[in-house]
Amino acid sequence: MASHTSKSVIYSALAGNTAIALTKFAAAGFTGSAAMLSEAIHSVVDTGNQLLLLFGLRRAAKPADAKHPFGYGLQLYFYTFVVAVLIFGVGAVVSIWHGLEKVRHPASVEHAWVNYLVLSASVLFEGGVWIVALRAFNTERAGRSWISAIRSSKDPTVFTVLFEDTAALAGLAVALLGVFLSETFDAPVLDGIASLVIGGILALTAFFLASESQSLLTGEAASYDTRRGINRIARAEPGVVGLNQARTMHFGPNEVLVVLSLDFDDDLPAGEVEAIVTRIERKIKVAHPDVRQVFIEAQSFAADRRAGRSEVA
C-alpha cells in the first residue's frame, strides 16, 4: 500500500484542481479563449485522475483472498496506467482538436483581463500543490537524481501527481503567453496555437506515465540493492552451498514477493534444512521490510540447470 504521505499529496491535488477547473470553465465561457478552455479540460482530467488514484489505493489495500492470493496491490499500477490513458485520450486529444478548430476559425479573445486573473490564480494554486508533491518526492528519492528516483520508485502516486502538476504549470505558462500574444498582436490564431502546445505537453506527460506504470504493472523486480541484499543473506547462511536462482516481484509499493532456489549441503537432515529456511526468511524480512512473502525451494545446482533456469541477481 502507498504511504499516508501519498494520500495527502493526492488530496491536496484533488482540492486544488477541482476549484481551478470550475474557475477556468467560467473564464473560458466568458472570454471565448481556446487556451483557457484547454486548461479547464486539463484541470478536469487532473481532478478525475486524482479520484482514480484514490480508488486505486483503496482497491490495492484489499487483503489477499482465494482469487488473488498475492493481494490486490497491482490494482494501483493498473489505475495509474488508466490515468495516463485519460491524460492522452481526453486532455491531449481534446486540447489539440480544439486548438485546430481555433486555428482554422480564429476569433478574438474578449475580456482578456479575466484570463490573466484566473490563470495567475491558477499558477498560485497549482504551484502550492506542486510544492507539496515535490517535497514528498524529494523525501522518497533520498538524494538520488530525479531520473534514478523515478525509475526505481515503486509508488507511482507521488510522481504521477508531481508530473501532472509540472505539466499543469507548463500549460498555464503557455496559456498566459498565448492570450498575451493574441491580444498584443491582434492575432487570435496564436490562442489556438497555445492550445495545440498544451495538448502536446499533455501527450508527452501521458507517454511518460504510461511507460513507467506499464513496467510496474507487468511485474517489475525489487530494487538492485534489495536483490543484492537478499542474495547475500541466502549465500551467507551456513548449510547453503549455492544460490541457483532468485526472483523478486513488486505486487505493490511495499509488497515484494521473493522466490529462491537454494542448493543445500546434502549431508544436512531435513529438520536442519527447515530451520535454515526459517532463518533466511526471517533475516530477509528484517533487512527488507517491504518483503512480505518468501518462498524457498531446495534443489541441487545440477537439477536446476537441467530445468533450464539460471540465477537472477
C-alpha atoms as a PDB file:
ATOM      1  CA  MET A   1       0.000   0.000   0.000  1.00  0.00           C
ATOM      2  CA  ALA A   2       1.069   3.576  -0.554  1.00  0.00           C
ATOM      3  CA  SER A   3       2.017   5.710   2.420  1.00  0.00           C
ATOM      4  CA  HIS A   4      -0.118   8.309   4.182  1.00  0.00           C
ATOM      5  CA  THR A   5       2.091  10.930   2.509  1.00  0.00           C
ATOM      6  CA  SER A   6       0.958   9.720  -0.915  1.00  0.00           C
ATOM      7  CA  LYS A   7      -2.691  10.158   0.046  1.00  0.00           C
ATOM      8  CA  SER A   8      -2.015  13.643   1.412  1.00  0.00           C
ATOM      9  CA  VAL A   9      -0.430  14.645  -1.890  1.00  0.00           C
ATOM     10  CA  ILE A  10      -3.418  13.300  -3.834  1.00  0.00           C
ATOM     11  CA  TYR A  11      -5.974  15.020  -1.592  1.00  0.00           C
ATOM     12  CA  SER A  12      -4.124  18.333  -1.966  1.00  0.00           C
ATOM     13  CA  ALA A  13      -4.107  17.986  -5.739  1.00  0.00           C
ATOM     14  CA  LEU A  14      -7.780  16.962  -5.809  1.00  0.00           C
ATOM     15  CA  ALA A  15      -8.919  20.007  -3.837  1.00  0.00           C
ATOM     16  CA  GLY A  16      -6.802  22.394  -5.874  1.00  0.00           C
ATOM     17  CA  ASN A  17      -7.749  21.034  -9.307  1.00  0.00           C
ATOM     18  CA  THR A  18     -11.476  20.956  -8.551  1.00  0.00           C
ATOM     19  CA  ALA A  19     -11.521  24.647  -7.640  1.00  0.00           C
ATOM     20  CA  ILE A  20      -9.278  25.578 -10.559  1.00  0.00           C
ATOM     21  CA  ALA A  21     -11.356  23.633 -13.117  1.00  0.00           C
ATOM     22  CA  LEU A  22     -14.585  25.404 -12.169  1.00  0.00           C
ATOM     23  CA  THR A  23     -12.897  28.805 -12.345  1.00  0.00           C
ATOM     24  CA  LYS A  24     -11.289  28.091 -15.707  1.00  0.00           C
ATOM     25  CA  PHE A  25     -14.548  26.937 -17.309  1.00  0.00           C
ATOM     26  CA  ALA A  26     -16.264  30.119 -16.163  1.00  0.00           C
ATOM     27  CA  ALA A  27     -13.425  32.218 -17.580  1.00  0.00           C
ATOM     28  CA  ALA A  28     -13.369  30.274 -20.873  1.00  0.00           C
ATOM     29  CA  GLY A  29     -17.107  30.769 -21.346  1.00  0.00           C
ATOM     30  CA  PHE A  30     -16.821  34.481 -20.572  1.00  0.00           C
ATOM     31  CA  THR A  31     -13.802  35.223 -22.775  1.00  0.00           C
ATOM     32  CA  GLY A  32     -14.013  32.606 -25.548  1.00  0.00           C
ATOM     33  CA  SER A  33     -10.342  31.679 -25.175  1.00  0.00           C
ATOM     34  CA  ALA A  34      -9.323  28.309 -26.663  1.00  0.00           C
ATOM     35  CA  ALA A  35      -6.223  28.134 -24.470  1.00  0.00           C
ATOM     36  CA  MET A  36      -8.330  28.749 -21.360  1.00  0.00           C
ATOM     37  CA  LEU A  37     -10.800  26.039 -22.388  1.00  0.00           C
ATOM     38  CA  SER A  38      -7.900  23.622 -22.913  1.00  0.00           C
ATOM     39  CA  GLU A  39      -6.628  24.479 -19.448  1.00  0.00           C
ATOM     40  CA  ALA A  40     -10.111  23.889 -17.987  1.00  0.00           C
ATOM     41  CA  ILE A  41     -10.254  20.467 -19.652  1.00  0.00           C
ATOM     42  CA  HIS A  42      -6.768  19.779 -18.352  1.00  0.00           C
ATOM     43  CA  SER A  43      -7.880  20.545 -14.774  1.00  0.00           C
ATOM     44  CA  VAL A  44     -10.962  18.333 -15.110  1.00  0.00           C
ATOM     45  CA  VAL A  45      -8.787  15.446 -16.315  1.00  0.00           C
ATOM     46  CA  ASP A  46      -6.387  16.011 -13.412  1.00  0.00           C
ATOM     47  CA  THR A  47      -9.307  16.007 -10.956  1.00  0.00           C
ATOM     48  CA  GLY A  48     -10.570  12.723 -12.377  1.00  0.00           C
ATOM     49  CA  ASN A  49      -7.060  11.324 -12.221  1.00  0.00           C
ATOM     50  CA  GLN A  50      -6.773  12.052  -8.506  1.00  0.00           C
ATOM     51  CA  LEU A  51     -10.090  10.288  -7.896  1.00  0.00           C
ATOM     52  CA  LEU A  52      -8.823   7.287  -9.865  1.00  0.00           C
ATOM     53  CA  LEU A  53      -5.589   7.189  -7.869  1.00  0.00           C
ATOM     54  CA  LEU A  54      -7.545   7.261  -4.599  1.00  0.00           C
ATOM     55  CA  PHE A  55      -9.781   4.467  -5.886  1.00  0.00           C
ATOM     56  CA  GLY A  56      -6.679   2.519  -6.913  1.00  0.00           C
ATOM     57  CA  LEU A  57      -5.197   2.946  -3.432  1.00  0.00           C
ATOM     58  CA  ARG A  58      -8.414   1.666  -1.897  1.00  0.00           C
ATOM     59  CA  ARG A  59      -8.524  -1.354  -4.204  1.00  0.00           C
ATOM     60  CA  ALA A  60      -4.836  -2.102  -3.597  1.00  0.00           C
ATOM     61  CA  ALA A  61      -5.440  -2.170   0.170  1.00  0.00           C
ATOM     62  CA  LYS A  62      -7.833  -5.128  -0.046  1.00  0.00           C
ATOM     63  CA  PRO A  63      -6.483  -8.225   1.728  1.00  0.00           C
ATOM     64  CA  ALA A  64      -5.447 -11.317  -0.220  1.00  0.00           C
ATOM     65  CA  ASP A  65      -8.126 -13.904  -0.914  1.00  0.00           C
ATOM     66  CA  ALA A  66      -8.563 -17.138  -2.845  1.00  0.00           C
ATOM     67  CA  LYS A  67      -8.996 -15.282  -6.138  1.00  0.00           C
ATOM     68  CA  HIS A  68      -5.983 -13.006  -5.585  1.00  0.00           C
ATOM     69  CA  PRO A  69      -3.634 -14.940  -3.277  1.00  0.00           C
ATOM     70  CA  PHE A  70      -0.906 -12.294  -3.518  1.00  0.00           C
ATOM     71  CA  GLY A  71      -3.264  -9.428  -2.786  1.00  0.00           C
ATOM     72  CA  TYR A  72      -4.599  -6.565  -4.890  1.00  0.00           C
ATOM     73  CA  GLY A  73      -1.530  -4.315  -4.893  1.00  0.00           C
ATOM     74  CA  LEU A  74      -1.188  -4.391  -8.686  1.00  0.00           C
ATOM     75  CA  GLN A  75      -4.536  -2.576  -8.927  1.00  0.00           C
ATOM     76  CA  LEU A  76      -2.712   0.651  -8.034  1.00  0.00           C
ATOM     77  CA  TYR A  77      -0.451   0.231 -11.054  1.00  0.00           C
ATOM     78  CA  PHE A  78      -3.444  -0.506 -13.275  1.00  0.00           C
ATOM     79  CA  TYR A  79      -5.237   2.681 -12.276  1.00  0.00           C
ATOM     80  CA  THR A  80      -2.043   4.678 -12.724  1.00  0.00           C
ATOM     81  CA  PHE A  81      -1.948   3.377 -16.297  1.00  0.00           C
ATOM     82  CA  VAL A  82      -5.602   4.382 -16.747  1.00  0.00           C
ATOM     83  CA  VAL A  83      -4.648   7.881 -15.569  1.00  0.00           C
ATOM     84  CA  ALA A  84      -2.027   8.071 -18.323  1.00  0.00           C
ATOM     85  CA  VAL A  85      -4.588   6.945 -20.905  1.00  0.00           C
ATOM     86  CA  LEU A  86      -7.052   9.609 -19.754  1.00  0.00           C
ATOM     87  CA  ILE A  87      -4.430  12.353 -19.880  1.00  0.00           C
ATOM     88  CA  PHE A  88      -3.763  11.472 -23.503  1.00  0.00           C
ATOM     89  CA  GLY A  89      -7.237  10.417 -24.631  1.00  0.00           C
ATOM     90  CA  VAL A  90      -9.178  13.260 -23.036  1.00  0.00           C
ATOM     91  CA  GLY A  91      -6.736  16.008 -22.144  1.00  0.00           C
ATOM     92  CA  ALA A  92      -4.309  15.918 -25.048  1.00  0.00           C
ATOM     93  CA  VAL A  93      -6.694  14.919 -27.837  1.00  0.00           C
ATOM     94  CA  VAL A  94      -9.425  17.399 -26.883  1.00  0.00           C
ATOM     95  CA  SER A  95      -6.915  20.234 -26.446  1.00  0.00           C
ATOM     96  CA  ILE A  96      -5.336  19.533 -29.832  1.00  0.00           C
ATOM     97  CA  TRP A  97      -8.722  19.224 -31.529  1.00  0.00           C
ATOM     98  CA  HIS A  98      -9.974  22.474 -30.008  1.00  0.00           C
ATOM     99  CA  GLY A  99      -6.708  24.209 -30.914  1.00  0.00           C
ATOM    100  CA  LEU A 100      -7.018  23.125 -34.529  1.00  0.00           C
ATOM    101  CA  GLU A 101     -10.571  24.476 -34.643  1.00  0.00           C
ATOM    102  CA  LYS A 102      -9.383  27.818 -33.269  1.00  0.00           C
ATOM    103  CA  VAL A 103      -6.537  27.958 -35.788  1.00  0.00           C
ATOM    104  CA  ARG A 104      -8.960  27.237 -38.647  1.00  0.00           C
ATOM    105  CA  HIS A 105     -11.598  29.650 -37.347  1.00  0.00           C
ATOM    106  CA  PRO A 106      -9.809  32.268 -35.228  1.00  0.00           C
ATOM    107  CA  ALA A 107     -11.905  34.535 -33.026  1.00  0.00           C
ATOM    108  CA  SER A 108     -10.689  37.359 -30.814  1.00  0.00           C
ATOM    109  CA  VAL A 109     -10.430  36.745 -27.093  1.00  0.00           C
ATOM    110  CA  GLU A 110     -12.761  39.043 -25.156  1.00  0.00           C
ATOM    111  CA  HIS A 111     -12.101  40.462 -21.705  1.00  0.00           C
ATOM    112  CA  ALA A 112      -8.554  39.100 -21.670  1.00  0.00           C
ATOM    113  CA  TRP A 113      -8.026  40.516 -18.171  1.00  0.00           C
ATOM    114  CA  VAL A 114     -10.269  37.734 -16.855  1.00  0.00           C
ATOM    115  CA  ASN A 115      -7.929  35.144 -18.353  1.00  0.00           C
ATOM    116  CA  TYR A 116      -4.920  36.834 -16.797  1.00  0.00           C
ATOM    117  CA  LEU A 117      -6.596  36.908 -13.403  1.00  0.00           C
ATOM    118  CA  VAL A 118      -7.739  33.277 -13.494  1.00  0.00           C
ATOM    119  CA  LEU A 119      -4.507  31.918 -14.945  1.00  0.00           C
ATOM    120  CA  SER A 120      -2.415  33.826 -12.405  1.00  0.00           C
ATOM    121  CA  ALA A 121      -4.532  32.484  -9.551  1.00  0.00           C
ATOM    122  CA  SER A 122      -4.240  29.004 -11.041  1.00  0.00           C
ATOM    123  CA  VAL A 123      -0.452  29.301 -11.053  1.00  0.00           C
ATOM    124  CA  LEU A 124      -0.556  30.035  -7.323  1.00  0.00           C
ATOM    125  CA  PHE A 125      -2.867  27.076  -6.580  1.00  0.00           C
ATOM    126  CA  GLU A 126      -1.007  24.656  -8.841  1.00  0.00           C
ATOM    127  CA  GLY A 127       2.308  25.883  -7.507  1.00  0.00           C
ATOM    128  CA  GLY A 128       1.194  25.117  -3.950  1.00  0.00           C
ATOM    129  CA  VAL A 129       0.162  21.569  -4.894  1.00  0.00           C
ATOM    130  CA  TRP A 130       3.389  21.147  -6.865  1.00  0.00           C
ATOM    131  CA  ILE A 131       5.470  22.113  -3.834  1.00  0.00           C
ATOM    132  CA  VAL A 132       3.618  19.550  -1.666  1.00  0.00           C
ATOM    133  CA  ALA A 133       4.244  16.832  -4.273  1.00  0.00           C
ATOM    134  CA  LEU A 134       7.872  17.900  -4.739  1.00  0.00           C
ATOM    135  CA  ARG A 135       8.590  17.679  -1.006  1.00  0.00           C
ATOM    136  CA  ALA A 136       7.092  14.193  -0.842  1.00  0.00           C
ATOM    137  CA  PHE A 137       9.084  13.145  -3.910  1.00  0.00           C
ATOM    138  CA  ASN A 138      12.337  14.579  -2.529  1.00  0.00           C
ATOM    139  CA  THR A 139      11.818  12.621   0.687  1.00  0.00           C
ATOM    140  CA  GLU A 140      11.338   9.443  -1.337  1.00  0.00           C
ATOM    141  CA  ARG A 141      14.286   9.954  -3.661  1.00  0.00           C
ATOM    142  CA  ALA A 142      16.684  10.458  -0.711  1.00  0.00           C
ATOM    143  CA  GLY A 143      19.376  12.370  -2.583  1.00  0.00           C
ATOM    144  CA  ARG A 144      19.218  10.370  -5.812  1.00  0.00           C
ATOM    145  CA  SER A 145      18.808  12.054  -9.178  1.00  0.00           C
ATOM    146  CA  TRP A 146      15.272  12.659 -10.401  1.00  0.00           C
ATOM    147  CA  ILE A 147      15.515  10.134 -13.218  1.00  0.00           C
ATOM    148  CA  SER A 148      17.053   7.490 -10.968  1.00  0.00           C
ATOM    149  CA  ALA A 149      14.390   8.039  -8.294  1.00  0.00           C
ATOM    150  CA  ILE A 150      11.536   7.808 -10.804  1.00  0.00           C
ATOM    151  CA  ARG A 151      12.963   4.699 -12.426  1.00  0.00           C
ATOM    152  CA  SER A 152      13.413   2.945  -9.090  1.00  0.00           C
ATOM    153  CA  SER A 153      10.206   4.160  -7.415  1.00  0.00           C
ATOM    154  CA  LYS A 154       7.547   1.515  -6.894  1.00  0.00           C
ATOM    155  CA  ASP A 155       4.946   4.014  -5.615  1.00  0.00           C
ATOM    156  CA  PRO A 156       3.545   5.781  -8.689  1.00  0.00           C
ATOM    157  CA  THR A 157       1.147   8.082  -6.820  1.00  0.00           C
ATOM    158  CA  VAL A 158       3.651  10.756  -5.802  1.00  0.00           C
ATOM    159  CA  PHE A 159       5.485  11.088  -9.112  1.00  0.00           C
ATOM    160  CA  THR A 160       2.182  10.918 -11.024  1.00  0.00           C
ATOM    161  CA  VAL A 161       0.833  13.944  -9.140  1.00  0.00           C
ATOM    162  CA  LEU A 162       4.214  15.704  -9.421  1.00  0.00           C
ATOM    163  CA  PHE A 163       4.391  15.294 -13.184  1.00  0.00           C
ATOM    164  CA  GLU A 164       0.721  16.156 -13.642  1.00  0.00           C
ATOM    165  CA  ASP A 165       1.270  19.414 -11.813  1.00  0.00           C
ATOM    166  CA  THR A 166       4.521  20.096 -13.641  1.00  0.00           C
ATOM    167  CA  ALA A 167       2.587  19.710 -16.891  1.00  0.00           C
ATOM    168  CA  ALA A 168      -0.165  21.911 -15.463  1.00  0.00           C
ATOM    169  CA  LEU A 169       2.270  24.721 -14.615  1.00  0.00           C
ATOM    170  CA  ALA A 170       3.836  24.462 -18.074  1.00  0.00           C
ATOM    171  CA  GLY A 171       0.355  24.575 -19.624  1.00  0.00           C
ATOM    172  CA  LEU A 172      -0.579  27.648 -17.601  1.00  0.00           C
ATOM    173  CA  ALA A 173       2.573  29.431 -18.765  1.00  0.00           C
ATOM    174  CA  VAL A 174       1.727  28.594 -22.383  1.00  0.00           C
ATOM    175  CA  ALA A 175      -1.889  29.730 -21.932  1.00  0.00           C
ATOM    176  CA  LEU A 176      -0.778  33.045 -20.430  1.00  0.00           C
ATOM    177  CA  LEU A 177       1.682  33.593 -23.261  1.00  0.00           C
ATOM    178  CA  GLY A 178      -0.923  32.641 -25.865  1.00  0.00           C
ATOM    179  CA  VAL A 179      -3.528  35.062 -24.517  1.00  0.00           C
ATOM    180  CA  PHE A 180      -0.941  37.841 -24.179  1.00  0.00           C
ATOM    181  CA  LEU A 181       0.432  37.445 -27.717  1.00  0.00           C
ATOM    182  CA  SER A 182      -3.055  37.044 -29.177  1.00  0.00           C
ATOM    183  CA  GLU A 183      -4.162  40.321 -27.624  1.00  0.00           C
ATOM    184  CA  THR A 184      -0.911  42.219 -28.182  1.00  0.00           C
ATOM    185  CA  PHE A 185      -0.618  41.413 -31.893  1.00  0.00           C
ATOM    186  CA  ASP A 186      -4.347  41.116 -32.534  1.00  0.00           C
ATOM    187  CA  ALA A 187      -3.693  37.579 -33.810  1.00  0.00           C
ATOM    188  CA  PRO A 188      -6.334  35.222 -32.330  1.00  0.00           C
ATOM    189  CA  VAL A 189      -4.720  32.301 -34.172  1.00  0.00           C
ATOM    190  CA  LEU A 190      -1.966  32.410 -31.535  1.00  0.00           C
ATOM    191  CA  ASP A 191      -4.539  31.435 -28.906  1.00  0.00           C
ATOM    192  CA  GLY A 192      -5.285  28.299 -30.917  1.00  0.00           C
ATOM    193  CA  ILE A 193      -1.584  27.535 -31.274  1.00  0.00           C
ATOM    194  CA  ALA A 194      -1.249  27.791 -27.479  1.00  0.00           C
ATOM    195  CA  SER A 195      -3.988  25.178 -27.162  1.00  0.00           C
ATOM    196  CA  LEU A 196      -2.038  22.881 -29.521  1.00  0.00           C
ATOM    197  CA  VAL A 197       1.111  23.299 -27.429  1.00  0.00           C
ATOM    198  CA  ILE A 198      -0.835  22.470 -24.265  1.00  0.00           C
ATOM    199  CA  GLY A 199      -2.101  19.331 -25.967  1.00  0.00           C
ATOM    200  CA  GLY A 200       1.472  18.389 -26.842  1.00  0.00           C
ATOM    201  CA  ILE A 201       2.578  18.851 -23.220  1.00  0.00           C
ATOM    202  CA  LEU A 202      -0.228  16.573 -22.064  1.00  0.00           C
ATOM    203  CA  ALA A 203       0.639  13.943 -24.670  1.00  0.00           C
ATOM    204  CA  LEU A 204       4.285  13.845 -23.529  1.00  0.00           C
ATOM    205  CA  THR A 205       3.213  13.585 -19.878  1.00  0.00           C
ATOM    206  CA  ALA A 206       0.830  10.739 -20.706  1.00  0.00           C
ATOM    207  CA  PHE A 207       3.517   8.864 -22.626  1.00  0.00           C
ATOM    208  CA  PHE A 208       5.961   9.115 -19.742  1.00  0.00           C
ATOM    209  CA  LEU A 209       3.455   7.995 -17.094  1.00  0.00           C
ATOM    210  CA  ALA A 210       2.233   5.124 -19.282  1.00  0.00           C
ATOM    211  CA  SER A 211       5.812   3.912 -19.766  1.00  0.00           C
ATOM    212  CA  GLU A 212       6.533   3.937 -16.021  1.00  0.00           C
ATOM    213  CA  SER A 213       3.251   2.347 -14.940  1.00  0.00           C
ATOM    214  CA  GLN A 214       3.328  -0.442 -17.542  1.00  0.00           C
ATOM    215  CA  SER A 215       6.726  -1.543 -16.248  1.00  0.00           C
ATOM    216  CA  LEU A 216       5.294  -1.873 -12.743  1.00  0.00           C
ATOM    217  CA  LEU A 217       2.082  -3.457 -13.972  1.00  0.00           C
ATOM    218  CA  THR A 218       3.870  -6.183 -15.900  1.00  0.00           C
ATOM    219  CA  GLY A 219       5.944  -7.407 -12.954  1.00  0.00           C
ATOM    220  CA  GLU A 220       8.890  -5.218 -12.032  1.00  0.00           C
ATOM    221  CA  ALA A 221      11.572  -6.640  -9.751  1.00  0.00           C
ATOM    222  CA  ALA A 222      12.675  -5.189  -6.423  1.00  0.00           C
ATOM    223  CA  SER A 223      15.442  -2.588  -6.464  1.00  0.00           C
ATOM    224  CA  TYR A 224      19.019  -3.614  -7.241  1.00  0.00           C
ATOM    225  CA  ASP A 225      20.134  -3.035  -3.639  1.00  0.00           C
ATOM    226  CA  THR A 226      17.267  -5.144  -2.300  1.00  0.00           C
ATOM    227  CA  ARG A 227      18.041  -8.003  -4.692  1.00  0.00           C
ATOM    228  CA  ARG A 228      21.731  -7.963  -3.824  1.00  0.00           C
ATOM    229  CA  GLY A 229      20.939  -7.885  -0.116  1.00  0.00           C
ATOM    230  CA  ILE A 230      18.613 -10.891  -0.424  1.00  0.00           C
ATOM    231  CA  ASN A 231      21.264 -12.812  -2.353  1.00  0.00           C
ATOM    232  CA  ARG A 232      23.916 -12.046   0.264  1.00  0.00           C
ATOM    233  CA  ILE A 233      21.682 -13.253   3.090  1.00  0.00           C
ATOM    234  CA  ALA A 234      20.897 -16.520   1.297  1.00  0.00           C
ATOM    235  CA  ARG A 235      24.525 -17.259   0.368  1.00  0.00           C
ATOM    236  CA  ALA A 236      25.871 -16.417   3.832  1.00  0.00           C
ATOM    237  CA  GLU A 237      23.686 -18.911   5.688  1.00  0.00           C
ATOM    238  CA  PRO A 238      25.641 -22.000   6.880  1.00  0.00           C
ATOM    239  CA  GLY A 239      24.405 -25.120   5.115  1.00  0.00           C
ATOM    240  CA  VAL A 240      23.675 -23.312   1.828  1.00  0.00           C
ATOM    241  CA  VAL A 241      26.235 -24.322  -0.781  1.00  0.00           C
ATOM    242  CA  GLY A 242      24.777 -22.374  -3.687  1.00  0.00           C
ATOM    243  CA  LEU A 243      22.115 -19.933  -4.860  1.00  0.00           C
ATOM    244  CA  ASN A 244      20.583 -21.378  -8.007  1.00  0.00           C
ATOM    245  CA  GLN A 245      18.176 -18.561  -8.746  1.00  0.00           C
ATOM    246  CA  ALA A 246      16.481 -15.581  -7.154  1.00  0.00           C
ATOM    247  CA  ARG A 247      13.251 -13.964  -8.295  1.00  0.00           C
ATOM    248  CA  THR A 248      11.568 -10.857  -6.917  1.00  0.00           C
ATOM    249  CA  MET A 249       8.427  -9.017  -7.926  1.00  0.00           C
ATOM    250  CA  HIS A 250       6.525  -5.997  -6.645  1.00  0.00           C
ATOM    251  CA  PHE A 251       2.832  -6.585  -6.031  1.00  0.00           C
ATOM    252  CA  GLY A 252       2.522  -3.070  -4.662  1.00  0.00           C
ATOM    253  CA  PRO A 253       4.764  -0.205  -3.482  1.00  0.00           C
ATOM    254  CA  ASN A 254       5.522  -2.061  -0.230  1.00  0.00           C
ATOM    255  CA  GLU A 255       4.643  -5.617  -1.235  1.00  0.00           C
ATOM    256  CA  VAL A 256       7.562  -7.694  -2.520  1.00  0.00           C
ATOM    257  CA  LEU A 257       7.462 -11.407  -3.296  1.00  0.00           C
ATOM    258  CA  VAL A 258      10.769 -13.325  -3.126  1.00  0.00           C
ATOM    259  CA  VAL A 259      11.338 -16.783  -4.629  1.00  0.00           C
ATOM    260  CA  LEU A 260      14.679 -18.538  -4.049  1.00  0.00           C
ATOM    261  CA  SER A 261      16.088 -21.837  -5.262  1.00  0.00           C
ATOM    262  CA  LEU A 262      18.899 -22.954  -2.956  1.00  0.00           C
ATOM    263  CA  ASP A 263      21.366 -25.830  -3.102  1.00  0.00           C
ATOM    264  CA  PHE A 264      21.798 -27.194   0.434  1.00  0.00           C
ATOM    265  CA  ASP A 265      24.546 -29.406   1.862  1.00  0.00           C
ATOM    266  CA  ASP A 266      23.499 -32.973   1.031  1.00  0.00           C
ATOM    267  CA  ASP A 267      24.542 -34.192   4.497  1.00  0.00           C
ATOM    268  CA  LEU A 268      22.033 -31.963   6.313  1.00  0.00           C
ATOM    269  CA  PRO A 269      18.961 -33.644   7.821  1.00  0.00           C
ATOM    270  CA  ALA A 270      15.543 -32.419   6.709  1.00  0.00           C
ATOM    271  CA  GLY A 271      14.908 -30.734  10.048  1.00  0.00           C
ATOM    272  CA  GLU A 272      18.055 -28.630   9.765  1.00  0.00           C
ATOM    273  CA  VAL A 273      17.136 -27.581   6.223  1.00  0.00           C
ATOM    274  CA  GLU A 274      13.747 -26.414   7.535  1.00  0.00           C
ATOM    275  CA  ALA A 275      15.487 -24.430  10.288  1.00  0.00           C
ATOM    276  CA  ILE A 276      17.801 -22.772   7.747  1.00  0.00           C
ATOM    277  CA  VAL A 277      14.849 -21.822   5.541  1.00  0.00           C
ATOM    278  CA  THR A 278      13.123 -20.240   8.545  1.00  0.00           C
ATOM    279  CA  ARG A 279      16.239 -18.240   9.455  1.00  0.00           C
ATOM    280  CA  ILE A 280      16.761 -16.988   5.891  1.00  0.00           C
ATOM    281  CA  GLU A 281      13.150 -15.879   5.630  1.00  0.00           C
ATOM    282  CA  ARG A 282      13.317 -14.049   8.963  1.00  0.00           C
ATOM    283  CA  LYS A 283      16.600 -12.307   8.100  1.00  0.00           C
ATOM    284  CA  ILE A 284      15.323 -11.181   4.701  1.00  0.00           C
ATOM    285  CA  LYS A 285      12.138  -9.683   6.180  1.00  0.00           C
ATOM    286  CA  VAL A 286      14.084  -7.905   8.928  1.00  0.00           C
ATOM    287  CA  ALA A 287      16.618  -6.446   6.477  1.00  0.00           C
ATOM    288  CA  HIS A 288      13.994  -5.577   3.855  1.00  0.00           C
ATOM    289  CA  PRO A 289      10.606  -4.705   5.440  1.00  0.00           C
ATOM    290  CA  ASP A 290       8.933  -4.424   2.013  1.00  0.00           C
ATOM    291  CA  VAL A 291       9.380  -8.185   1.542  1.00  0.00           C
ATOM    292  CA  ARG A 292       6.107  -9.760   2.673  1.00  0.00           C
ATOM    293  CA  GLN A 293       6.386 -13.289   1.291  1.00  0.00           C
ATOM    294  CA  VAL A 294       9.398 -15.567   0.807  1.00  0.00           C
ATOM    295  CA  PHE A 295       9.274 -18.955  -0.910  1.00  0.00           C
ATOM    296  CA  ILE A 296      12.391 -21.133  -0.820  1.00  0.00           C
ATOM    297  CA  GLU A 297      12.917 -24.237  -2.923  1.00  0.00           C
ATOM    298  CA  ALA A 298      15.581 -26.824  -2.067  1.00  0.00           C
ATOM    299  CA  GLN A 299      17.167 -28.117  -5.265  1.00  0.00           C
ATOM    300  CA  SER A 300      20.603 -29.154  -6.387  1.00  0.00           C
ATOM    301  CA  PHE A 301      22.575 -26.998  -8.796  1.00  0.00           C
ATOM    302  CA  ALA A 302      22.563 -29.772 -11.418  1.00  0.00           C
ATOM    303  CA  ALA A 303      18.789 -30.258 -11.194  1.00  0.00           C
ATOM    304  CA  ASP A 304      18.227 -26.531 -11.507  1.00  0.00           C
ATOM    305  CA  ARG A 305      20.362 -26.375 -14.628  1.00  0.00           C
ATOM    306  CA  ARG A 306      18.521 -29.346 -16.142  1.00  0.00           C
ATOM    307  CA  ALA A 307      15.343 -27.374 -15.621  1.00  0.00           C
ATOM    308  CA  GLY A 308      16.853 -24.647 -17.805  1.00  0.00           C
ATOM    309  CA  ARG A 309      16.826 -21.952 -15.145  1.00  0.00           C
ATOM    310  CA  SER A 310      19.520 -19.559 -14.023  1.00  0.00           C
ATOM    311  CA  GLU A 311      20.200 -17.147 -11.218  1.00  0.00           C
ATOM    312  CA  VAL A 312      18.711 -13.693 -11.499  1.00  0.00           C
ATOM    313  CA  ALA A 313      20.530 -11.067  -9.402  1.00  0.00           C
END
